[in-house]
Amino acid sequence: MLSWTRPFVPLAVFVAAFGGAAACSSSGGGTSPTTAASSSATTAAPATAAAVTIKNFSFSPTPITVKAGQAVTVTNQDTTDHTFTDSGGAFDTGHIAPGTSKTVTLAKAGTYHYHCNIHPTMTGEIDVSG
């Protein structure tokens, strides 16, 4: 019966011959998992818009907290037009037709009290953090 034995090749010879030093090293060099993770983090998607829904003649949720520069999308799920209007004049979407949305972005930190110009009893609040 014939038997075959593999020749012994020291690891250092194998690594040098096949250029695997960077892949085998855990102390940096080449492309490491840490480098790959950090590069994918730089291509992350921007923050999503906060959502306010108009339904049954009310805004929900209220109050809502967002970061400065974050968009707020208001969707009208009622059967009539509404507005999303800041009482201090910082924003006014104009009419939002049933089944449609409008978006506002507040760059300055503070508390914003809003209402519907068509139905003044509809009110809400946005707290914007810096």
N, C-alpha and C. Protein backbone atom coordinates (compact mmCIF):
# COMPACT_ATOMS: atom_id res chain seq x y z
N MET A 1 0.83 -1.17 0.00
CA MET A 1 0.00 0.00 0.00
C MET A 1 0.88 1.23 0.00
N LEU A 2 0.53 2.14 -0.87
CA LEU A 2 1.28 3.38 -0.96
C LEU A 2 0.69 4.40 0.00
N SER A 3 1.52 5.13 0.64
CA SER A 3 1.02 6.22 1.47
C SER A 3 1.73 7.49 1.08
N TRP A 4 1.00 8.55 1.14
CA TRP A 4 1.55 9.84 0.76
C TRP A 4 1.59 10.73 1.98
N THR A 5 2.67 11.37 2.22
CA THR A 5 2.76 12.33 3.31
C THR A 5 3.05 13.70 2.73
N ARG A 6 2.39 14.68 3.29
CA ARG A 6 2.61 16.05 2.82
C ARG A 6 3.95 16.55 3.33
N PRO A 7 4.65 17.28 2.50
CA PRO A 7 5.89 17.87 2.99
C PRO A 7 5.58 18.99 3.98
N PHE A 8 6.39 19.18 4.98
CA PHE A 8 6.21 20.23 5.97
C PHE A 8 6.69 21.56 5.38
N VAL A 9 5.81 22.54 5.37
CA VAL A 9 6.18 23.87 4.90
C VAL A 9 5.95 24.83 6.07
N PRO A 10 7.01 25.45 6.58
CA PRO A 10 6.84 26.39 7.68
C PRO A 10 5.90 27.54 7.28
N LEU A 11 5.08 28.02 8.20
CA LEU A 11 4.10 29.07 7.95
C LEU A 11 4.76 30.32 7.39
N ALA A 12 5.92 30.68 7.88
CA ALA A 12 6.59 31.89 7.41
C ALA A 12 6.91 31.79 5.93
N VAL A 13 7.29 30.58 5.45
CA VAL A 13 7.59 30.39 4.04
C VAL A 13 6.31 30.52 3.22
N PHE A 14 5.22 29.95 3.70
CA PHE A 14 3.94 30.01 3.01
C PHE A 14 3.49 31.47 2.88
N VAL A 15 3.54 32.22 3.97
CA VAL A 15 3.10 33.61 3.98
C VAL A 15 3.95 34.44 3.04
N ALA A 16 5.25 34.27 3.08
CA ALA A 16 6.15 35.03 2.22
C ALA A 16 5.91 34.70 0.75
N ALA A 17 5.64 33.44 0.47
CA ALA A 17 5.46 33.01 -0.92
C ALA A 17 4.15 33.51 -1.51
N PHE A 18 3.12 33.61 -0.71
CA PHE A 18 1.80 33.97 -1.23
C PHE A 18 1.34 35.36 -0.84
N GLY A 19 2.16 36.15 -0.19
CA GLY A 19 1.84 37.55 0.11
C GLY A 19 0.66 37.71 1.05
N GLY A 20 0.48 36.80 1.96
CA GLY A 20 -0.67 36.85 2.86
C GLY A 20 -0.38 37.54 4.16
N ALA A 21 0.75 38.21 4.29
CA ALA A 21 1.12 38.83 5.56
C ALA A 21 0.07 39.82 6.03
N ALA A 22 -0.42 40.67 5.14
CA ALA A 22 -1.41 41.67 5.56
C ALA A 22 -2.73 41.01 5.93
N ALA A 23 -3.11 39.98 5.21
CA ALA A 23 -4.36 39.30 5.51
C ALA A 23 -4.29 38.53 6.80
N CYS A 24 -3.10 38.03 7.17
CA CYS A 24 -2.96 37.24 8.39
C CYS A 24 -2.71 38.11 9.60
N SER A 25 -2.30 39.33 9.40
CA SER A 25 -1.94 40.20 10.51
C SER A 25 -3.20 40.79 11.13
N SER A 26 -3.24 40.85 12.44
CA SER A 26 -4.37 41.48 13.11
C SER A 26 -4.00 42.84 13.64
N SER A 27 -2.78 43.29 13.34
CA SER A 27 -2.33 44.57 13.90
C SER A 27 -2.31 45.68 12.86
N GLY A 28 -3.17 45.62 11.86
CA GLY A 28 -3.27 46.71 10.91
C GLY A 28 -2.58 46.38 9.62
N GLY A 29 -2.48 47.37 8.75
CA GLY A 29 -1.89 47.19 7.44
C GLY A 29 -2.94 46.65 6.49
N GLY A 30 -2.86 46.99 5.25
CA GLY A 30 -3.81 46.47 4.28
C GLY A 30 -5.22 46.90 4.61
N THR A 31 -6.18 46.13 4.12
CA THR A 31 -7.58 46.42 4.41
C THR A 31 -8.04 45.52 5.53
N SER A 32 -8.35 46.09 6.64
CA SER A 32 -8.80 45.31 7.79
C SER A 32 -10.29 45.53 7.98
N PRO A 33 -10.96 44.68 8.76
CA PRO A 33 -12.38 44.90 9.02
C PRO A 33 -12.66 46.26 9.64
N THR A 34 -11.75 46.77 10.46
CA THR A 34 -11.96 48.08 11.06
C THR A 34 -12.00 49.16 9.99
N THR A 35 -11.08 49.10 9.03
CA THR A 35 -11.06 50.09 7.95
C THR A 35 -12.33 50.01 7.12
N ALA A 36 -12.75 48.79 6.80
CA ALA A 36 -13.95 48.62 5.99
C ALA A 36 -15.18 49.16 6.72
N ALA A 37 -15.27 48.92 8.02
CA ALA A 37 -16.43 49.40 8.78
C ALA A 37 -16.45 50.92 8.82
N SER A 38 -15.27 51.53 9.01
CA SER A 38 -15.26 52.99 9.10
C SER A 38 -15.58 53.64 7.77
N SER A 39 -15.17 53.00 6.66
CA SER A 39 -15.49 53.61 5.37
C SER A 39 -16.98 53.50 5.06
N SER A 40 -17.63 52.42 5.49
CA SER A 40 -19.06 52.31 5.23
C SER A 40 -19.85 53.28 6.11
N ALA A 41 -19.31 53.62 7.26
CA ALA A 41 -20.00 54.56 8.14
C ALA A 41 -20.04 55.95 7.52
N THR A 42 -19.06 56.30 6.71
CA THR A 42 -19.04 57.62 6.11
C THR A 42 -20.07 57.75 4.99
N THR A 43 -20.60 56.63 4.51
CA THR A 43 -21.59 56.69 3.44
C THR A 43 -22.99 56.40 3.97
N ALA A 44 -23.19 56.55 5.27
CA ALA A 44 -24.49 56.28 5.86
C ALA A 44 -25.54 57.25 5.32
N ALA A 45 -26.78 56.79 5.26
CA ALA A 45 -27.88 57.60 4.77
C ALA A 45 -28.18 58.73 5.75
N PRO A 46 -28.65 59.86 5.27
CA PRO A 46 -29.01 60.95 6.17
C PRO A 46 -30.20 60.56 7.04
N ALA A 47 -30.35 61.29 8.13
CA ALA A 47 -31.46 61.00 9.04
C ALA A 47 -32.80 61.13 8.33
N THR A 48 -33.71 60.27 8.71
CA THR A 48 -35.01 60.31 8.08
C THR A 48 -35.85 61.44 8.68
N ALA A 49 -36.86 61.84 7.95
CA ALA A 49 -37.74 62.91 8.40
C ALA A 49 -38.62 62.43 9.55
N ALA A 50 -38.89 63.32 10.47
CA ALA A 50 -39.87 63.04 11.51
C ALA A 50 -41.25 63.12 10.86
N ALA A 51 -42.21 62.42 11.41
CA ALA A 51 -43.54 62.36 10.79
C ALA A 51 -44.62 62.88 11.72
N VAL A 52 -45.47 63.73 11.17
CA VAL A 52 -46.67 64.20 11.85
C VAL A 52 -47.84 63.84 10.94
N THR A 53 -48.88 63.28 11.53
CA THR A 53 -50.07 62.89 10.77
C THR A 53 -51.25 63.76 11.18
N ILE A 54 -52.02 64.18 10.18
CA ILE A 54 -53.28 64.89 10.44
C ILE A 54 -54.39 63.88 10.20
N LYS A 55 -55.16 63.63 11.25
CA LYS A 55 -56.27 62.68 11.14
C LYS A 55 -57.32 63.05 12.18
N ASN A 56 -58.58 62.97 11.79
CA ASN A 56 -59.69 63.31 12.70
C ASN A 56 -59.53 64.71 13.28
N PHE A 57 -59.10 65.66 12.43
CA PHE A 57 -58.95 67.06 12.81
C PHE A 57 -58.00 67.25 14.00
N SER A 58 -56.89 66.49 13.98
CA SER A 58 -55.85 66.69 15.00
C SER A 58 -54.49 66.28 14.44
N PHE A 59 -53.44 66.86 15.04
CA PHE A 59 -52.06 66.54 14.70
C PHE A 59 -51.56 65.45 15.65
N SER A 60 -50.81 64.49 15.12
CA SER A 60 -50.28 63.44 15.97
C SER A 60 -48.93 62.96 15.42
N PRO A 61 -47.95 62.76 16.25
CA PRO A 61 -47.94 63.01 17.70
C PRO A 61 -47.65 64.49 17.98
N THR A 62 -48.01 64.89 19.14
CA THR A 62 -47.67 66.22 19.63
C THR A 62 -47.53 66.15 21.14
N PRO A 63 -46.47 66.69 21.69
CA PRO A 63 -45.38 67.35 20.99
C PRO A 63 -44.48 66.33 20.29
N ILE A 64 -43.66 66.83 19.37
CA ILE A 64 -42.68 66.02 18.67
C ILE A 64 -41.33 66.68 18.88
N THR A 65 -40.29 65.88 19.05
CA THR A 65 -38.93 66.41 19.25
C THR A 65 -38.06 66.00 18.08
N VAL A 66 -37.37 66.98 17.49
CA VAL A 66 -36.47 66.73 16.37
C VAL A 66 -35.16 67.48 16.62
N LYS A 67 -34.14 67.14 15.84
CA LYS A 67 -32.87 67.85 15.90
C LYS A 67 -32.91 69.01 14.92
N ALA A 68 -32.16 70.05 15.20
CA ALA A 68 -32.07 71.18 14.28
C ALA A 68 -31.60 70.69 12.92
N GLY A 69 -32.29 71.10 11.88
CA GLY A 69 -31.97 70.68 10.52
C GLY A 69 -32.68 69.43 10.06
N GLN A 70 -33.38 68.75 10.96
CA GLN A 70 -34.11 67.54 10.59
C GLN A 70 -35.45 67.93 9.98
N ALA A 71 -35.84 67.25 8.92
CA ALA A 71 -37.10 67.54 8.25
C ALA A 71 -38.27 66.96 9.04
N VAL A 72 -39.41 67.64 8.94
CA VAL A 72 -40.67 67.16 9.52
C VAL A 72 -41.66 67.06 8.37
N THR A 73 -42.14 65.87 8.10
CA THR A 73 -43.11 65.65 7.03
C THR A 73 -44.49 65.49 7.63
N VAL A 74 -45.43 66.29 7.13
CA VAL A 74 -46.81 66.29 7.61
C VAL A 74 -47.69 65.66 6.54
N THR A 75 -48.42 64.62 6.93
CA THR A 75 -49.29 63.91 5.99
C THR A 75 -50.74 64.09 6.41
N ASN A 76 -51.58 64.52 5.47
CA ASN A 76 -52.99 64.75 5.74
C ASN A 76 -53.79 63.49 5.41
N GLN A 77 -54.31 62.84 6.44
CA GLN A 77 -55.14 61.65 6.26
C GLN A 77 -56.62 61.96 6.48
N ASP A 78 -56.96 63.24 6.52
CA ASP A 78 -58.36 63.64 6.64
C ASP A 78 -58.97 63.78 5.24
N THR A 79 -60.25 64.12 5.22
CA THR A 79 -60.96 64.28 3.94
C THR A 79 -61.10 65.74 3.52
N THR A 80 -60.41 66.63 4.23
CA THR A 80 -60.46 68.06 3.92
C THR A 80 -59.06 68.66 4.01
N ASP A 81 -58.85 69.82 3.41
CA ASP A 81 -57.56 70.51 3.47
C ASP A 81 -57.25 70.97 4.88
N HIS A 82 -55.96 71.04 5.19
CA HIS A 82 -55.45 71.59 6.45
C HIS A 82 -54.17 72.36 6.13
N THR A 83 -53.68 73.12 7.11
CA THR A 83 -52.37 73.75 7.00
C THR A 83 -51.53 73.33 8.19
N PHE A 84 -50.24 73.54 8.08
CA PHE A 84 -49.28 73.29 9.16
C PHE A 84 -48.52 74.60 9.29
N THR A 85 -48.97 75.44 10.23
CA THR A 85 -48.54 76.83 10.29
C THR A 85 -47.98 77.16 11.67
N ASP A 86 -46.75 77.67 11.72
CA ASP A 86 -46.15 78.09 12.98
C ASP A 86 -46.81 79.38 13.46
N SER A 87 -47.16 79.42 14.73
CA SER A 87 -47.81 80.61 15.29
C SER A 87 -46.88 81.82 15.30
N GLY A 88 -45.57 81.59 15.29
CA GLY A 88 -44.60 82.69 15.27
C GLY A 88 -44.12 83.06 13.87
N GLY A 89 -44.63 82.39 12.85
CA GLY A 89 -44.29 82.74 11.47
C GLY A 89 -43.07 82.03 10.89
N ALA A 90 -42.50 81.04 11.59
CA ALA A 90 -41.30 80.36 11.09
C ALA A 90 -41.58 79.47 9.88
N PHE A 91 -42.78 78.94 9.77
CA PHE A 91 -43.13 78.11 8.62
C PHE A 91 -44.63 78.12 8.39
N ASP A 92 -45.03 77.86 7.16
CA ASP A 92 -46.43 77.72 6.77
C ASP A 92 -46.46 76.90 5.48
N THR A 93 -47.04 75.72 5.56
CA THR A 93 -47.08 74.84 4.38
C THR A 93 -48.11 75.27 3.36
N GLY A 94 -49.01 76.16 3.73
CA GLY A 94 -50.16 76.42 2.87
C GLY A 94 -51.07 75.20 2.97
N HIS A 95 -52.02 75.11 2.07
CA HIS A 95 -52.99 74.02 2.12
C HIS A 95 -52.32 72.68 1.84
N ILE A 96 -52.67 71.68 2.65
CA ILE A 96 -52.24 70.30 2.43
C ILE A 96 -53.51 69.52 2.08
N ALA A 97 -53.61 69.11 0.85
CA ALA A 97 -54.81 68.41 0.38
C ALA A 97 -54.89 67.01 1.00
N PRO A 98 -56.09 66.45 1.07
CA PRO A 98 -56.24 65.08 1.59
C PRO A 98 -55.35 64.11 0.81
N GLY A 99 -54.68 63.23 1.56
CA GLY A 99 -53.84 62.21 0.95
C GLY A 99 -52.48 62.70 0.48
N THR A 100 -52.12 63.94 0.80
CA THR A 100 -50.81 64.47 0.39
C THR A 100 -49.98 64.85 1.61
N SER A 101 -48.70 65.15 1.35
CA SER A 101 -47.76 65.52 2.41
C SER A 101 -46.99 66.77 2.03
N LYS A 102 -46.52 67.47 3.05
CA LYS A 102 -45.60 68.60 2.86
C LYS A 102 -44.54 68.50 3.95
N THR A 103 -43.36 69.06 3.65
CA THR A 103 -42.23 68.94 4.57
C THR A 103 -41.68 70.32 4.92
N VAL A 104 -41.32 70.49 6.19
CA VAL A 104 -40.64 71.70 6.65
C VAL A 104 -39.37 71.27 7.37
N THR A 105 -38.37 72.14 7.36
CA THR A 105 -37.12 71.88 8.07
C THR A 105 -36.83 73.08 8.96
N LEU A 106 -36.59 72.82 10.24
CA LEU A 106 -36.34 73.89 11.19
C LEU A 106 -34.87 73.86 11.59
N ALA A 107 -34.15 74.91 11.22
CA ALA A 107 -32.71 74.95 11.46
C ALA A 107 -32.35 75.48 12.85
N LYS A 108 -33.26 76.22 13.47
CA LYS A 108 -32.96 76.88 14.74
C LYS A 108 -33.62 76.14 15.90
N ALA A 109 -32.84 75.88 16.96
CA ALA A 109 -33.36 75.21 18.15
C ALA A 109 -34.42 76.09 18.83
N GLY A 110 -35.39 75.44 19.44
CA GLY A 110 -36.44 76.16 20.16
C GLY A 110 -37.73 75.37 20.15
N THR A 111 -38.75 75.97 20.71
CA THR A 111 -40.08 75.35 20.75
C THR A 111 -40.98 76.11 19.79
N TYR A 112 -41.62 75.37 18.90
CA TYR A 112 -42.50 75.95 17.89
C TYR A 112 -43.92 75.46 18.14
N HIS A 113 -44.84 76.42 18.28
CA HIS A 113 -46.26 76.11 18.45
C HIS A 113 -46.93 76.31 17.09
N TYR A 114 -47.63 75.30 16.63
CA TYR A 114 -48.25 75.39 15.31
C TYR A 114 -49.74 75.12 15.38
N HIS A 115 -50.42 75.44 14.29
CA HIS A 115 -51.87 75.27 14.21
C HIS A 115 -52.28 75.08 12.75
N CYS A 116 -53.54 74.82 12.53
CA CYS A 116 -54.12 74.79 11.19
C CYS A 116 -54.85 76.12 11.00
N ASN A 117 -54.49 76.86 9.94
CA ASN A 117 -55.16 78.14 9.68
C ASN A 117 -56.64 77.96 9.36
N ILE A 118 -57.01 76.84 8.80
CA ILE A 118 -58.41 76.60 8.42
C ILE A 118 -59.23 76.18 9.63
N HIS A 119 -58.62 75.42 10.53
CA HIS A 119 -59.29 74.89 11.73
C HIS A 119 -58.44 75.25 12.95
N PRO A 120 -58.56 76.48 13.47
CA PRO A 120 -57.67 76.98 14.52
C PRO A 120 -57.65 76.19 15.82
N THR A 121 -58.61 75.32 16.04
CA THR A 121 -58.58 74.51 17.26
C THR A 121 -57.56 73.37 17.15
N MET A 122 -57.09 73.12 15.94
CA MET A 122 -56.05 72.10 15.73
C MET A 122 -54.70 72.73 16.05
N THR A 123 -54.02 72.24 17.08
CA THR A 123 -52.74 72.81 17.49
C THR A 123 -51.72 71.69 17.80
N GLY A 124 -50.47 72.08 17.88
CA GLY A 124 -49.41 71.14 18.23
C GLY A 124 -48.14 71.87 18.56
N GLU A 125 -47.09 71.07 18.86
CA GLU A 125 -45.82 71.65 19.28
C GLU A 125 -44.66 70.82 18.74
N ILE A 126 -43.61 71.51 18.31
CA ILE A 126 -42.37 70.87 17.89
C ILE A 126 -41.25 71.42 18.78
N ASP A 127 -40.50 70.53 19.41
CA ASP A 127 -39.33 70.93 20.18
C ASP A 127 -38.10 70.59 19.35
N VAL A 128 -37.31 71.61 19.02
CA VAL A 128 -36.13 71.42 18.19
C VAL A 128 -34.90 71.58 19.07
N SER A 129 -34.09 70.52 19.11
CA SER A 129 -32.86 70.57 19.91
C SER A 129 -31.69 70.94 19.02
N GLY A 130 -30.71 71.60 19.61
CA GLY A 130 -29.54 72.08 18.87
C GLY A 130 -28.55 71.05 18.67
